[in-house]
């Protein structure tokens, strides 16, 4: 039998909001670094290029952490307890975040986190391809051709992260993160 405790719900909500704020702050810090390193990359500057991609991955991870708080998934092989689902739905409602939010998507974090499997798939599915990866610049300027697969690209014209033919709008997500952070600060706990 489950025992309802308003105090427990309030305590959990307070802790979750604090964790959302922490991840919003970290995402915005990563975004600031993305801009800094993007602005300072020079040809053959491997360290700055690596720092740019590290900041990009950090951004994706922290945004995915926000998503996991607001839209939790059960551990593999189990179900999400009803009280967790109920609490998170109430949290989304309290913060006015709906399913159309760009914060919900974890797909791009998964592309980066499971990149090894993406390599396996494309190497297996396509013979005689060249994987073009970790480019910065307009997608049109990236070497293209029938035998090239562009995996990860940061399109500076659109300010979007690309994985293959999919796009992730950094600016749209940053706006949503800032908006969510403001909402968490205005909530009466």
Protein backbone atom coordinates (compact mmCIF):
# COMPACT_ATOMS: atom_id res chain seq x y z
CA UNK A 1 0.00 0.00 0.00
CA UNK A 2 1.30 3.44 -0.95
CA UNK A 3 1.15 6.13 1.68
CA UNK A 4 0.69 9.62 0.32
CA UNK A 5 2.81 12.30 1.88
CA UNK A 6 2.45 15.90 0.77
CA UNK A 7 5.70 16.68 2.60
CA UNK A 8 7.56 14.03 0.59
CA UNK A 9 6.07 15.31 -2.68
CA UNK A 10 7.10 18.88 -1.79
CA UNK A 11 10.60 17.79 -0.80
CA UNK A 12 11.07 15.82 -4.03
CA UNK A 13 9.66 18.68 -6.12
CA UNK A 14 12.06 21.15 -4.44
CA UNK A 15 15.03 18.85 -5.08
CA UNK A 16 14.02 18.25 -8.71
CA UNK A 17 13.60 21.97 -9.35
CA UNK A 18 17.05 22.53 -7.86
CA UNK A 19 18.49 19.89 -10.19
CA UNK A 20 16.72 21.47 -13.18
CA UNK A 21 18.24 24.84 -12.22
CA UNK A 22 21.69 23.26 -11.91
CA UNK A 23 21.44 21.65 -15.35
CA UNK A 24 20.06 24.86 -16.89
CA UNK A 25 23.06 26.74 -15.48
CA UNK A 26 25.44 24.09 -16.82
CA UNK A 27 23.76 24.09 -20.25
CA UNK A 28 24.07 27.87 -20.45
CA UNK A 29 27.71 27.68 -19.38
CA UNK A 30 28.36 25.06 -22.10
CA UNK A 31 26.59 27.32 -24.61
CA UNK A 32 28.81 30.22 -23.58
CA UNK A 33 31.84 28.00 -24.22
CA UNK A 34 30.45 26.91 -27.59
CA UNK A 35 30.30 30.57 -28.61
CA UNK A 36 33.75 31.33 -27.20
CA UNK A 37 35.46 28.41 -28.93
CA UNK A 38 33.51 28.88 -32.15
CA UNK A 39 34.71 32.47 -32.28
CA UNK A 40 38.35 31.55 -31.66
CA UNK A 41 38.89 28.50 -33.90
CA UNK A 42 41.70 28.90 -36.37
CA UNK A 43 42.84 26.46 -39.07
CA UNK A 44 44.73 23.49 -37.62
CA UNK A 45 43.82 24.48 -34.05
CA UNK A 46 42.98 21.00 -32.77
CA UNK A 47 42.71 21.97 -29.10
CA UNK A 48 40.13 24.70 -29.68
CA UNK A 49 38.23 22.43 -32.07
CA UNK A 50 38.21 19.70 -29.41
CA UNK A 51 37.05 22.18 -26.78
CA UNK A 52 34.24 23.29 -29.09
CA UNK A 53 33.02 19.69 -29.50
CA UNK A 54 33.47 19.00 -25.77
CA UNK A 55 31.30 22.02 -24.98
CA UNK A 56 28.74 20.86 -27.55
CA UNK A 57 28.55 17.41 -25.97
CA UNK A 58 28.30 18.97 -22.51
CA UNK A 59 25.42 21.09 -23.75
CA UNK A 60 23.63 18.04 -25.15
CA UNK A 61 24.17 16.05 -21.95
CA UNK A 62 22.90 18.75 -19.61
CA UNK A 63 19.84 19.41 -21.77
CA UNK A 64 19.15 15.65 -21.84
CA UNK A 65 19.43 15.63 -18.04
CA UNK A 66 16.70 18.29 -17.91
CA UNK A 67 14.62 16.15 -20.25
CA UNK A 68 15.10 13.07 -18.05
CA UNK A 69 13.82 14.98 -15.03
CA UNK A 70 10.75 16.30 -16.80
CA UNK A 71 10.02 13.21 -18.94
CA UNK A 72 11.52 10.26 -17.05
CA UNK A 73 11.97 6.83 -18.58
CA UNK A 74 11.94 3.70 -16.49
CA UNK A 75 15.12 1.71 -16.06
CA UNK A 76 15.41 -1.04 -18.68
CA UNK A 77 13.24 -3.99 -17.77
CA UNK A 78 11.02 -2.10 -15.34
CA UNK A 79 8.08 0.23 -15.25
CA UNK A 80 7.95 3.80 -14.08
CA UNK A 81 6.18 3.92 -10.70
CA UNK A 82 2.84 5.76 -10.98
CA UNK A 83 3.81 8.26 -8.28
CA UNK A 84 6.92 9.23 -10.29
CA UNK A 85 4.84 9.74 -13.45
CA UNK A 86 2.32 11.76 -11.49
CA UNK A 87 4.98 13.91 -9.81
CA UNK A 88 6.77 14.66 -13.09
CA UNK A 89 3.53 15.51 -14.87
CA UNK A 90 2.70 17.90 -12.02
CA UNK A 91 6.21 19.36 -12.27
CA UNK A 92 5.82 19.98 -16.01
CA UNK A 93 2.46 21.60 -15.35
CA UNK A 94 3.88 23.76 -12.55
CA UNK A 95 6.68 24.94 -14.86
CA UNK A 96 4.38 25.28 -17.91
CA UNK A 97 6.46 22.90 -20.02
CA UNK A 98 4.57 20.78 -22.53
CA UNK A 99 5.51 17.92 -24.83
CA UNK A 100 6.23 20.31 -27.71
CA UNK A 101 9.23 21.75 -25.85
CA UNK A 102 12.59 21.35 -27.60
CA UNK A 103 13.91 20.25 -24.19
CA UNK A 104 12.08 16.93 -24.48
CA UNK A 105 14.29 15.58 -27.25
CA UNK A 106 17.22 13.37 -26.19
CA UNK A 107 17.92 12.12 -29.68
CA UNK A 108 20.96 14.29 -30.38
CA UNK A 109 22.58 13.44 -27.07
CA UNK A 110 22.02 9.79 -28.05
CA UNK A 111 23.65 10.34 -31.45
CA UNK A 112 26.79 11.57 -29.68
CA UNK A 113 26.66 9.16 -26.77
CA UNK A 114 26.16 6.12 -28.98
CA UNK A 115 28.30 7.30 -31.87
CA UNK A 116 30.16 3.98 -31.95
CA UNK A 117 26.94 2.23 -32.94
CA UNK A 118 26.24 4.85 -35.59
CA UNK A 119 29.66 4.12 -37.10
CA UNK A 120 28.95 0.37 -37.06
CA UNK A 121 25.59 0.92 -38.77
CA UNK A 122 26.83 3.13 -41.57
CA UNK A 123 29.96 1.11 -42.17
CA UNK A 124 27.85 -2.05 -42.41
CA UNK A 125 24.92 -0.61 -44.37
CA UNK A 126 26.91 1.35 -46.91
CA UNK A 127 29.89 -0.02 -48.77
CA UNK A 128 32.60 2.26 -50.05
CA UNK A 129 31.60 5.31 -48.04
CA UNK A 130 33.70 8.01 -46.52
CA UNK A 131 32.48 9.27 -43.16
CA UNK A 132 32.93 13.01 -42.90
CA UNK A 133 32.76 14.05 -39.26
CA UNK A 134 33.11 16.88 -36.74
CA UNK A 135 32.97 19.74 -39.21
CA UNK A 136 32.24 23.34 -38.42
CA UNK A 137 30.82 25.48 -41.18
CA UNK A 138 27.84 25.73 -43.49
CA UNK A 139 26.68 22.28 -44.52
CA UNK A 140 26.97 23.31 -48.17
CA UNK A 141 30.70 23.85 -47.70
CA UNK A 142 31.28 20.33 -46.40
CA UNK A 143 32.70 17.88 -48.89
CA UNK A 144 29.73 16.19 -50.44
CA UNK A 145 29.31 13.37 -52.83
CA UNK A 146 27.59 10.09 -53.35
CA UNK A 147 30.17 8.24 -51.27
CA UNK A 148 30.34 10.72 -48.39
CA UNK A 149 28.23 10.53 -45.26
CA UNK A 150 28.34 13.66 -43.11
CA UNK A 151 27.87 12.51 -39.54
CA UNK A 152 28.36 15.45 -37.15
CA UNK A 153 28.44 19.03 -38.36
CA UNK A 154 27.90 22.41 -36.78
CA UNK A 155 26.32 24.63 -39.41
CA UNK A 156 27.47 28.15 -38.64
CA UNK A 157 25.02 29.74 -41.11
CA UNK A 158 21.95 28.25 -39.43
CA UNK A 159 23.55 27.82 -35.99
CA UNK A 160 22.34 24.24 -35.89
CA UNK A 161 23.98 21.02 -34.95
CA UNK A 162 23.51 18.37 -37.60
CA UNK A 163 23.70 14.63 -37.45
CA UNK A 164 23.33 13.18 -40.91
CA UNK A 165 20.17 14.86 -42.25
CA UNK A 166 18.74 15.82 -38.87
CA UNK A 167 19.03 19.29 -37.35
CA UNK A 168 19.10 20.49 -33.74
CA UNK A 169 18.61 24.21 -33.24
CA UNK A 170 21.00 25.33 -30.53
CA UNK A 171 19.38 28.78 -30.32
CA UNK A 172 15.89 27.34 -29.93
CA UNK A 173 17.06 25.05 -27.11
CA UNK A 174 19.00 27.85 -25.37
CA UNK A 175 15.86 30.00 -25.42
CA UNK A 176 13.87 27.13 -23.87
CA UNK A 177 16.57 26.57 -21.21
CA UNK A 178 16.60 30.27 -20.25
CA UNK A 179 12.80 30.32 -20.14
CA UNK A 180 12.71 27.21 -17.94
CA UNK A 181 15.37 28.59 -15.60
CA UNK A 182 13.31 31.77 -15.17
CA UNK A 183 10.19 29.71 -14.45
CA UNK A 184 12.00 27.64 -11.80
CA UNK A 185 13.10 30.81 -10.05
CA UNK A 186 9.58 32.22 -9.95
CA UNK A 187 7.91 29.08 -8.58
CA UNK A 188 6.66 29.29 -5.00
CA UNK A 189 7.92 26.20 -3.17
